[in-house]
Amino acid sequence: MENTNYCQSCAMPLSKEEDLGTNQDGSKNAEYCAYCYKDGAFTAECTMDEMIAFCAPHMAAANPGMSEDQAKAQMKGFFPSLKRWKKA
């Protein structure tokens, strides 16, 4: 399986083993984080815009000087390239 640097749902950096989600068989999933993917399924059914709204406060808090609006704008540009949100 391709190893990614960011969760392909929320763009969280996947830098530690405990950050990784799990497949149905309990093995680690290298594409999605533990918050988005558990036991082989997404933990929440949501739209890309809902995911951005949820993630923006976390991204702003993790990046001093970044506003939630700036985080949302950055995510709106990046999220369409993530596997979960790519148009077929």
PDB file of N, CA and C in Angstrom:
ATOM      1  N   MET A   1       0.851  -1.190   0.000  1.00  0.00           N
ATOM      2  CA  MET A   1       0.000   0.000   0.000  1.00  0.00           C
ATOM      3  C   MET A   1       0.885   1.238   0.000  1.00  0.00           C
ATOM      4  N   GLU A   2       0.481   2.231  -0.739  1.00  0.00           N
ATOM      5  CA  GLU A   2       1.261   3.456  -0.824  1.00  0.00           C
ATOM      6  C   GLU A   2       1.294   4.159   0.528  1.00  0.00           C
ATOM      7  N   ASN A   3       2.461   4.600   0.945  1.00  0.00           N
ATOM      8  CA  ASN A   3       2.606   5.301   2.205  1.00  0.00           C
ATOM      9  C   ASN A   3       2.408   6.794   1.943  1.00  0.00           C
ATOM     10  N   THR A   4       1.499   7.414   2.664  1.00  0.00           N
ATOM     11  CA  THR A   4       1.214   8.824   2.463  1.00  0.00           C
ATOM     12  C   THR A   4       1.721   9.641   3.640  1.00  0.00           C
ATOM     13  N   ASN A   5       1.906  10.921   3.426  1.00  0.00           N
ATOM     14  CA  ASN A   5       2.343  11.819   4.486  1.00  0.00           C
ATOM     15  C   ASN A   5       1.176  12.451   5.232  1.00  0.00           C
ATOM     16  N   TYR A   6       0.011  12.484   4.593  1.00  0.00           N
ATOM     17  CA  TYR A   6      -1.154  13.135   5.168  1.00  0.00           C
ATOM     18  C   TYR A   6      -2.361  12.220   5.064  1.00  0.00           C
ATOM     19  N   CYS A   7      -3.256  12.308   6.046  1.00  0.00           N
ATOM     20  CA  CYS A   7      -4.511  11.568   5.971  1.00  0.00           C
ATOM     21  C   CYS A   7      -5.225  11.981   4.687  1.00  0.00           C
ATOM     22  N   GLN A   8      -5.702  11.013   3.952  1.00  0.00           N
ATOM     23  CA  GLN A   8      -6.369  11.267   2.678  1.00  0.00           C
ATOM     24  C   GLN A   8      -7.839  11.644   2.858  1.00  0.00           C
ATOM     25  N   SER A   9      -8.210  11.994   4.096  1.00  0.00           N
ATOM     26  CA  SER A   9      -9.548  12.494   4.388  1.00  0.00           C
ATOM     27  C   SER A   9      -9.487  13.887   5.013  1.00  0.00           C
ATOM     28  N   CYS A  10      -8.620  14.062   6.040  1.00  0.00           N
ATOM     29  CA  CYS A  10      -8.579  15.340   6.764  1.00  0.00           C
ATOM     30  C   CYS A  10      -7.260  16.088   6.629  1.00  0.00           C
ATOM     31  N   ALA A  11      -6.261  15.476   5.997  1.00  0.00           N
ATOM     32  CA  ALA A  11      -4.940  16.074   5.761  1.00  0.00           C
ATOM     33  C   ALA A  11      -4.073  16.168   7.009  1.00  0.00           C
ATOM     34  N   MET A  12      -4.439  15.468   8.073  1.00  0.00           N
ATOM     35  CA  MET A  12      -3.590  15.443   9.261  1.00  0.00           C
ATOM     36  C   MET A  12      -2.275  14.746   8.914  1.00  0.00           C
ATOM     37  N   PRO A  13      -1.144  15.306   9.341  1.00  0.00           N
ATOM     38  CA  PRO A  13       0.129  14.621   9.097  1.00  0.00           C
ATOM     39  C   PRO A  13       0.132  13.247   9.776  1.00  0.00           C
ATOM     40  N   LEU A  14       0.621  12.248   9.066  1.00  0.00           N
ATOM     41  CA  LEU A  14       0.705  10.887   9.604  1.00  0.00           C
ATOM     42  C   LEU A  14       2.167  10.591   9.924  1.00  0.00           C
ATOM     43  N   SER A  15       2.610  11.099  11.061  1.00  0.00           N
ATOM     44  CA  SER A  15       4.029  11.002  11.393  1.00  0.00           C
ATOM     45  C   SER A  15       4.344   9.893  12.388  1.00  0.00           C
ATOM     46  N   LYS A  16       3.340   9.383  13.096  1.00  0.00           N
ATOM     47  CA  LYS A  16       3.569   8.334  14.084  1.00  0.00           C
ATOM     48  C   LYS A  16       2.633   7.158  13.832  1.00  0.00           C
ATOM     49  N   GLU A  17       3.057   5.991  14.260  1.00  0.00           N
ATOM     50  CA  GLU A  17       2.261   4.768  14.089  1.00  0.00           C
ATOM     51  C   GLU A  17       0.863   4.926  14.685  1.00  0.00           C
ATOM     52  N   GLU A  18       0.774   5.569  15.835  1.00  0.00           N
ATOM     53  CA  GLU A  18      -0.529   5.718  16.490  1.00  0.00           C
ATOM     54  C   GLU A  18      -1.469   6.692  15.765  1.00  0.00           C
ATOM     55  N   ASP A  19      -0.934   7.451  14.811  1.00  0.00           N
ATOM     56  CA  ASP A  19      -1.770   8.352  14.009  1.00  0.00           C
ATOM     57  C   ASP A  19      -2.601   7.589  12.974  1.00  0.00           C
ATOM     58  N   LEU A  20      -2.159   6.369  12.631  1.00  0.00           N
ATOM     59  CA  LEU A  20      -2.784   5.626  11.536  1.00  0.00           C
ATOM     60  C   LEU A  20      -4.124   5.006  11.924  1.00  0.00           C
ATOM     61  N   GLY A  21      -5.066   5.050  10.977  1.00  0.00           N
ATOM     62  CA  GLY A  21      -6.349   4.382  11.151  1.00  0.00           C
ATOM     63  C   GLY A  21      -6.171   2.876  11.046  1.00  0.00           C
ATOM     64  N   THR A  22      -7.280   2.152  11.203  1.00  0.00           N
ATOM     65  CA  THR A  22      -7.212   0.692  11.150  1.00  0.00           C
ATOM     66  C   THR A  22      -8.147   0.122  10.097  1.00  0.00           C
ATOM     67  N   ASN A  23      -7.700  -0.977   9.490  1.00  0.00           N
ATOM     68  CA  ASN A  23      -8.516  -1.722   8.544  1.00  0.00           C
ATOM     69  C   ASN A  23      -9.466  -2.639   9.304  1.00  0.00           C
ATOM     70  N   GLN A  24     -10.349  -3.283   8.575  1.00  0.00           N
ATOM     71  CA  GLN A  24     -11.338  -4.167   9.184  1.00  0.00           C
ATOM     72  C   GLN A  24     -10.682  -5.290   9.992  1.00  0.00           C
ATOM     73  N   ASP A  25      -9.532  -5.764   9.535  1.00  0.00           N
ATOM     74  CA  ASP A  25      -8.836  -6.853  10.238  1.00  0.00           C
ATOM     75  C   ASP A  25      -7.959  -6.361  11.392  1.00  0.00           C
ATOM     76  N   GLY A  26      -7.998  -5.055  11.669  1.00  0.00           N
ATOM     77  CA  GLY A  26      -7.226  -4.487  12.762  1.00  0.00           C
ATOM     78  C   GLY A  26      -5.841  -4.002  12.376  1.00  0.00           C
ATOM     79  N   SER A  27      -5.406  -4.282  11.148  1.00  0.00           N
ATOM     80  CA  SER A  27      -4.097  -3.803  10.696  1.00  0.00           C
ATOM     81  C   SER A  27      -4.150  -2.291  10.469  1.00  0.00           C
ATOM     82  N   LYS A  28      -2.988  -1.679  10.484  1.00  0.00           N
ATOM     83  CA  LYS A  28      -2.896  -0.229  10.295  1.00  0.00           C
ATOM     84  C   LYS A  28      -3.164   0.140   8.835  1.00  0.00           C
ATOM     85  N   ASN A  29      -3.802   1.279   8.638  1.00  0.00           N
ATOM     86  CA  ASN A  29      -4.074   1.801   7.308  1.00  0.00           C
ATOM     87  C   ASN A  29      -3.211   3.037   7.114  1.00  0.00           C
ATOM     88  N   ALA A  30      -2.319   3.014   6.155  1.00  0.00           N
ATOM     89  CA  ALA A  30      -1.354   4.091   5.956  1.00  0.00           C
ATOM     90  C   ALA A  30      -1.927   5.304   5.224  1.00  0.00           C
ATOM     91  N   GLU A  31      -3.175   5.234   4.762  1.00  0.00           N
ATOM     92  CA  GLU A  31      -3.752   6.354   4.021  1.00  0.00           C
ATOM     93  C   GLU A  31      -4.623   7.271   4.870  1.00  0.00           C
ATOM     94  N   TYR A  32      -5.164   6.764   5.954  1.00  0.00           N
ATOM     95  CA  TYR A  32      -6.117   7.537   6.760  1.00  0.00           C
ATOM     96  C   TYR A  32      -5.715   7.556   8.229  1.00  0.00           C
ATOM     97  N   CYS A  33      -6.066   8.631   8.920  1.00  0.00           N
ATOM     98  CA  CYS A  33      -5.719   8.770  10.333  1.00  0.00           C
ATOM     99  C   CYS A  33      -6.710   8.015  11.230  1.00  0.00           C
ATOM    100  N   ALA A  34      -6.312   7.878  12.468  1.00  0.00           N
ATOM    101  CA  ALA A  34      -7.125   7.166  13.460  1.00  0.00           C
ATOM    102  C   ALA A  34      -8.434   7.896  13.753  1.00  0.00           C
ATOM    103  N   TYR A  35      -8.494   9.190  13.509  1.00  0.00           N
ATOM    104  CA  TYR A  35      -9.724   9.950  13.758  1.00  0.00           C
ATOM    105  C   TYR A  35     -10.744   9.769  12.638  1.00  0.00           C
ATOM    106  N   CYS A  36     -10.254   9.555  11.424  1.00  0.00           N
ATOM    107  CA  CYS A  36     -11.141   9.454  10.258  1.00  0.00           C
ATOM    108  C   CYS A  36     -11.521   8.022   9.893  1.00  0.00           C
ATOM    109  N   TYR A  37     -10.671   7.061  10.246  1.00  0.00           N
ATOM    110  CA  TYR A  37     -10.853   5.701   9.726  1.00  0.00           C
ATOM    111  C   TYR A  37     -10.595   4.679  10.816  1.00  0.00           C
ATOM    112  N   LYS A  38     -11.586   3.863  11.116  1.00  0.00           N
ATOM    113  CA  LYS A  38     -11.464   2.847  12.155  1.00  0.00           C
ATOM    114  C   LYS A  38     -12.203   1.590  11.725  1.00  0.00           C
ATOM    115  N   ASP A  39     -11.558   0.442  11.905  1.00  0.00           N
ATOM    116  CA  ASP A  39     -12.156  -0.859  11.578  1.00  0.00           C
ATOM    117  C   ASP A  39     -12.635  -0.942  10.127  1.00  0.00           C
ATOM    118  N   GLY A  40     -11.881  -0.304   9.229  1.00  0.00           N
ATOM    119  CA  GLY A  40     -12.183  -0.410   7.802  1.00  0.00           C
ATOM    120  C   GLY A  40     -13.268   0.505   7.295  1.00  0.00           C
ATOM    121  N   ALA A  41     -13.652   1.497   8.081  1.00  0.00           N
ATOM    122  CA  ALA A  41     -14.717   2.410   7.652  1.00  0.00           C
ATOM    123  C   ALA A  41     -14.440   3.821   8.166  1.00  0.00           C
ATOM    124  N   PHE A  42     -14.979   4.801   7.456  1.00  0.00           N
ATOM    125  CA  PHE A  42     -14.852   6.175   7.929  1.00  0.00           C
ATOM    126  C   PHE A  42     -15.669   6.339   9.211  1.00  0.00           C
ATOM    127  N   THR A  43     -15.151   7.118  10.130  1.00  0.00           N
ATOM    128  CA  THR A  43     -15.814   7.310  11.418  1.00  0.00           C
ATOM    129  C   THR A  43     -16.984   8.285  11.322  1.00  0.00           C
ATOM    130  N   ALA A  44     -17.016   9.086  10.264  1.00  0.00           N
ATOM    131  CA  ALA A  44     -18.110  10.040  10.075  1.00  0.00           C
ATOM    132  C   ALA A  44     -18.428  10.168   8.590  1.00  0.00           C
ATOM    133  N   GLU A  45     -19.699  10.171   8.283  1.00  0.00           N
ATOM    134  CA  GLU A  45     -20.140  10.454   6.919  1.00  0.00           C
ATOM    135  C   GLU A  45     -20.345  11.960   6.843  1.00  0.00           C
ATOM    136  N   CYS A  46     -19.587  12.610   5.988  1.00  0.00           N
ATOM    137  CA  CYS A  46     -19.686  14.061   5.879  1.00  0.00           C
ATOM    138  C   CYS A  46     -19.252  14.484   4.480  1.00  0.00           C
ATOM    139  N   THR A  47     -19.549  15.715   4.165  1.00  0.00           N
ATOM    140  CA  THR A  47     -19.096  16.280   2.909  1.00  0.00           C
ATOM    141  C   THR A  47     -17.693  16.863   3.107  1.00  0.00           C
ATOM    142  N   MET A  48     -17.037  17.186   2.016  1.00  0.00           N
ATOM    143  CA  MET A  48     -15.730  17.817   2.111  1.00  0.00           C
ATOM    144  C   MET A  48     -15.836  19.150   2.855  1.00  0.00           C
ATOM    145  N   ASP A  49     -16.862  19.926   2.573  1.00  0.00           N
ATOM    146  CA  ASP A  49     -17.028  21.220   3.250  1.00  0.00           C
ATOM    147  C   ASP A  49     -17.257  21.046   4.751  1.00  0.00           C
ATOM    148  N   GLU A  50     -17.991  20.008   5.141  1.00  0.00           N
ATOM    149  CA  GLU A  50     -18.197  19.740   6.569  1.00  0.00           C
ATOM    150  C   GLU A  50     -16.884  19.340   7.234  1.00  0.00           C
ATOM    151  N   MET A  51     -16.067  18.562   6.525  1.00  0.00           N
ATOM    152  CA  MET A  51     -14.762  18.165   7.063  1.00  0.00           C
ATOM    153  C   MET A  51     -13.875  19.391   7.230  1.00  0.00           C
ATOM    154  N   ILE A  52     -13.877  20.281   6.255  1.00  0.00           N
ATOM    155  CA  ILE A  52     -13.080  21.504   6.339  1.00  0.00           C
ATOM    156  C   ILE A  52     -13.526  22.356   7.528  1.00  0.00           C
ATOM    157  N   ALA A  53     -14.830  22.510   7.707  1.00  0.00           N
ATOM    158  CA  ALA A  53     -15.352  23.294   8.831  1.00  0.00           C
ATOM    159  C   ALA A  53     -14.927  22.688  10.168  1.00  0.00           C
ATOM    160  N   PHE A  54     -14.903  21.366  10.243  1.00  0.00           N
ATOM    161  CA  PHE A  54     -14.496  20.683  11.470  1.00  0.00           C
ATOM    162  C   PHE A  54     -12.992  20.830  11.716  1.00  0.00           C
ATOM    163  N   CYS A  55     -12.198  20.728  10.670  1.00  0.00           N
ATOM    164  CA  CYS A  55     -10.738  20.727  10.804  1.00  0.00           C
ATOM    165  C   CYS A  55     -10.117  22.115  10.944  1.00  0.00           C
ATOM    166  N   ALA A  56     -10.763  23.139  10.409  1.00  0.00           N
ATOM    167  CA  ALA A  56     -10.171  24.483  10.392  1.00  0.00           C
ATOM    168  C   ALA A  56      -9.754  24.992  11.775  1.00  0.00           C
ATOM    169  N   PRO A  57     -10.587  24.856  12.812  1.00  0.00           N
ATOM    170  CA  PRO A  57     -10.139  25.334  14.130  1.00  0.00           C
ATOM    171  C   PRO A  57      -8.891  24.599  14.626  1.00  0.00           C
ATOM    172  N   HIS A  58      -8.786  23.293  14.335  1.00  0.00           N
ATOM    173  CA  HIS A  58      -7.615  22.521  14.761  1.00  0.00           C
ATOM    174  C   HIS A  58      -6.366  22.975  14.020  1.00  0.00           C
ATOM    175  N   MET A  59      -6.508  23.226  12.717  1.00  0.00           N
ATOM    176  CA  MET A  59      -5.358  23.669  11.926  1.00  0.00           C
ATOM    177  C   MET A  59      -4.907  25.065  12.372  1.00  0.00           C
ATOM    178  N   ALA A  60      -5.865  25.951  12.624  1.00  0.00           N
ATOM    179  CA  ALA A  60      -5.517  27.302  13.070  1.00  0.00           C
ATOM    180  C   ALA A  60      -4.818  27.260  14.430  1.00  0.00           C
ATOM    181  N   ALA A  61      -5.303  26.403  15.323  1.00  0.00           N
ATOM    182  CA  ALA A  61      -4.695  26.290  16.655  1.00  0.00           C
ATOM    183  C   ALA A  61      -3.275  25.734  16.580  1.00  0.00           C
ATOM    184  N   ALA A  62      -3.026  24.851  15.623  1.00  0.00           N
ATOM    185  CA  ALA A  62      -1.709  24.229  15.486  1.00  0.00           C
ATOM    186  C   ALA A  62      -0.714  25.121  14.752  1.00  0.00           C
ATOM    187  N   ASN A  63      -1.203  26.214  14.154  1.00  0.00           N
ATOM    188  CA  ASN A  63      -0.344  27.115  13.375  1.00  0.00           C
ATOM    189  C   ASN A  63      -0.516  28.545  13.870  1.00  0.00           C
ATOM    190  N   PRO A  64       0.303  28.951  14.843  1.00  0.00           N
ATOM    191  CA  PRO A  64       0.185  30.301  15.398  1.00  0.00           C
ATOM    192  C   PRO A  64       0.193  31.372  14.303  1.00  0.00           C
ATOM    193  N   GLY A  65      -0.731  32.308  14.421  1.00  0.00           N
ATOM    194  CA  GLY A  65      -0.823  33.383  13.447  1.00  0.00           C
ATOM    195  C   GLY A  65      -1.777  33.081  12.300  1.00  0.00           C
ATOM    196  N   MET A  66      -2.279  31.857  12.220  1.00  0.00           N
ATOM    197  CA  MET A  66      -3.217  31.488  11.162  1.00  0.00           C
ATOM    198  C   MET A  66      -4.650  31.607  11.691  1.00  0.00           C
ATOM    199  N   SER A  67      -5.489  32.292  10.943  1.00  0.00           N
ATOM    200  CA  SER A  67      -6.899  32.398  11.331  1.00  0.00           C
ATOM    201  C   SER A  67      -7.662  31.184  10.804  1.00  0.00           C
ATOM    202  N   GLU A  68      -8.849  30.971  11.338  1.00  0.00           N
ATOM    203  CA  GLU A  68      -9.695  29.871  10.842  1.00  0.00           C
ATOM    204  C   GLU A  68     -10.056  30.102   9.373  1.00  0.00           C
ATOM    205  N   ASP A  69     -10.282  31.357   8.991  1.00  0.00           N
ATOM    206  CA  ASP A  69     -10.593  31.647   7.588  1.00  0.00           C
ATOM    207  C   ASP A  69      -9.417  31.301   6.682  1.00  0.00           C
ATOM    208  N   GLN A  70      -8.201  31.598   7.125  1.00  0.00           N
ATOM    209  CA  GLN A  70      -7.022  31.233   6.346  1.00  0.00           C
ATOM    210  C   GLN A  70      -6.886  29.714   6.243  1.00  0.00           C
ATOM    211  N   ALA A  71      -7.154  29.021   7.348  1.00  0.00           N
ATOM    212  CA  ALA A  71      -7.091  27.558   7.346  1.00  0.00           C
ATOM    213  C   ALA A  71      -8.113  26.992   6.367  1.00  0.00           C
ATOM    214  N   LYS A  72      -9.332  27.526   6.401  1.00  0.00           N
ATOM    215  CA  LYS A  72     -10.381  27.051   5.492  1.00  0.00           C
ATOM    216  C   LYS A  72      -9.981  27.278   4.037  1.00  0.00           C
ATOM    217  N   ALA A  73      -9.432  28.440   3.733  1.00  0.00           N
ATOM    218  CA  ALA A  73      -9.027  28.741   2.363  1.00  0.00           C
ATOM    219  C   ALA A  73      -7.930  27.777   1.900  1.00  0.00           C
ATOM    220  N   GLN A  74      -6.976  27.508   2.767  1.00  0.00           N
ATOM    221  CA  GLN A  74      -5.896  26.593   2.419  1.00  0.00           C
ATOM    222  C   GLN A  74      -6.455  25.182   2.197  1.00  0.00           C
ATOM    223  N   MET A  75      -7.357  24.759   3.054  1.00  0.00           N
ATOM    224  CA  MET A  75      -7.948  23.427   2.927  1.00  0.00           C
ATOM    225  C   MET A  75      -8.800  23.296   1.670  1.00  0.00           C
ATOM    226  N   LYS A  76      -9.530  24.342   1.329  1.00  0.00           N
ATOM    227  CA  LYS A  76     -10.362  24.292   0.115  1.00  0.00           C
ATOM    228  C   LYS A  76      -9.505  24.094  -1.133  1.00  0.00           C
ATOM    229  N   GLY A  77      -8.270  24.576  -1.090  1.00  0.00           N
ATOM    230  CA  GLY A  77      -7.357  24.368  -2.205  1.00  0.00           C
ATOM    231  C   GLY A  77      -6.712  22.992  -2.206  1.00  0.00           C
ATOM    232  N   PHE A  78      -6.506  22.416  -1.009  1.00  0.00           N
ATOM    233  CA  PHE A  78      -5.769  21.157  -0.880  1.00  0.00           C
ATOM    234  C   PHE A  78      -6.672  19.922  -0.840  1.00  0.00           C
ATOM    235  N   PHE A  79      -7.803  19.998  -0.166  1.00  0.00           N
ATOM    236  CA  PHE A  79      -8.651  18.826   0.041  1.00  0.00           C
ATOM    237  C   PHE A  79      -9.104  18.137  -1.250  1.00  0.00           C
ATOM    238  N   PRO A  80      -9.401  18.869  -2.324  1.00  0.00           N
ATOM    239  CA  PRO A  80      -9.816  18.170  -3.551  1.00  0.00           C
ATOM    240  C   PRO A  80      -8.761  17.203  -4.099  1.00  0.00           C
ATOM    241  N   SER A  81      -7.515  17.330  -3.672  1.00  0.00           N
ATOM    242  CA  SER A  81      -6.474  16.411  -4.133  1.00  0.00           C
ATOM    243  C   SER A  81      -6.378  15.162  -3.264  1.00  0.00           C
ATOM    244  N   LEU A  82      -7.079  15.132  -2.139  1.00  0.00           N
ATOM    245  CA  LEU A  82      -7.038  13.972  -1.243  1.00  0.00           C
ATOM    246  C   LEU A  82      -7.928  12.853  -1.788  1.00  0.00           C
ATOM    247  N   LYS A  83      -7.498  11.626  -1.548  1.00  0.00           N
ATOM    248  CA  LYS A  83      -8.176  10.452  -2.108  1.00  0.00           C
ATOM    249  C   LYS A  83      -9.676  10.419  -1.807  1.00  0.00           C
ATOM    250  N   ARG A  84     -10.069  10.741  -0.584  1.00  0.00           N
ATOM    251  CA  ARG A  84     -11.488  10.671  -0.219  1.00  0.00           C
ATOM    252  C   ARG A  84     -12.339  11.671  -0.990  1.00  0.00           C
ATOM    253  N   TRP A  85     -11.776  12.801  -1.353  1.00  0.00           N
ATOM    254  CA  TRP A  85     -12.571  13.891  -1.945  1.00  0.00           C
ATOM    255  C   TRP A  85     -12.343  14.071  -3.444  1.00  0.00           C
ATOM    256  N   LYS A  86     -11.438  13.307  -4.030  1.00  0.00           N
ATOM    257  CA  LYS A  86     -11.202  13.438  -5.476  1.00  0.00           C
ATOM    258  C   LYS A  86     -12.469  13.079  -6.243  1.00  0.00           C
ATOM    259  N   LYS A  87     -12.740  13.833  -7.263  1.00  0.00           N
ATOM    260  CA  LYS A  87     -13.869  13.531  -8.139  1.00  0.00           C
ATOM    261  C   LYS A  87     -13.510  12.352  -9.027  1.00  0.00           C
ATOM    262  N   ALA A  88     -14.454  11.467  -9.193  1.00  0.00           N
ATOM    263  CA  ALA A  88     -14.207  10.249  -9.993  1.00  0.00           C
ATOM    264  C   ALA A  88     -14.043  10.607 -11.467  1.00  0.00           C
TER     265      ALA A  88
END
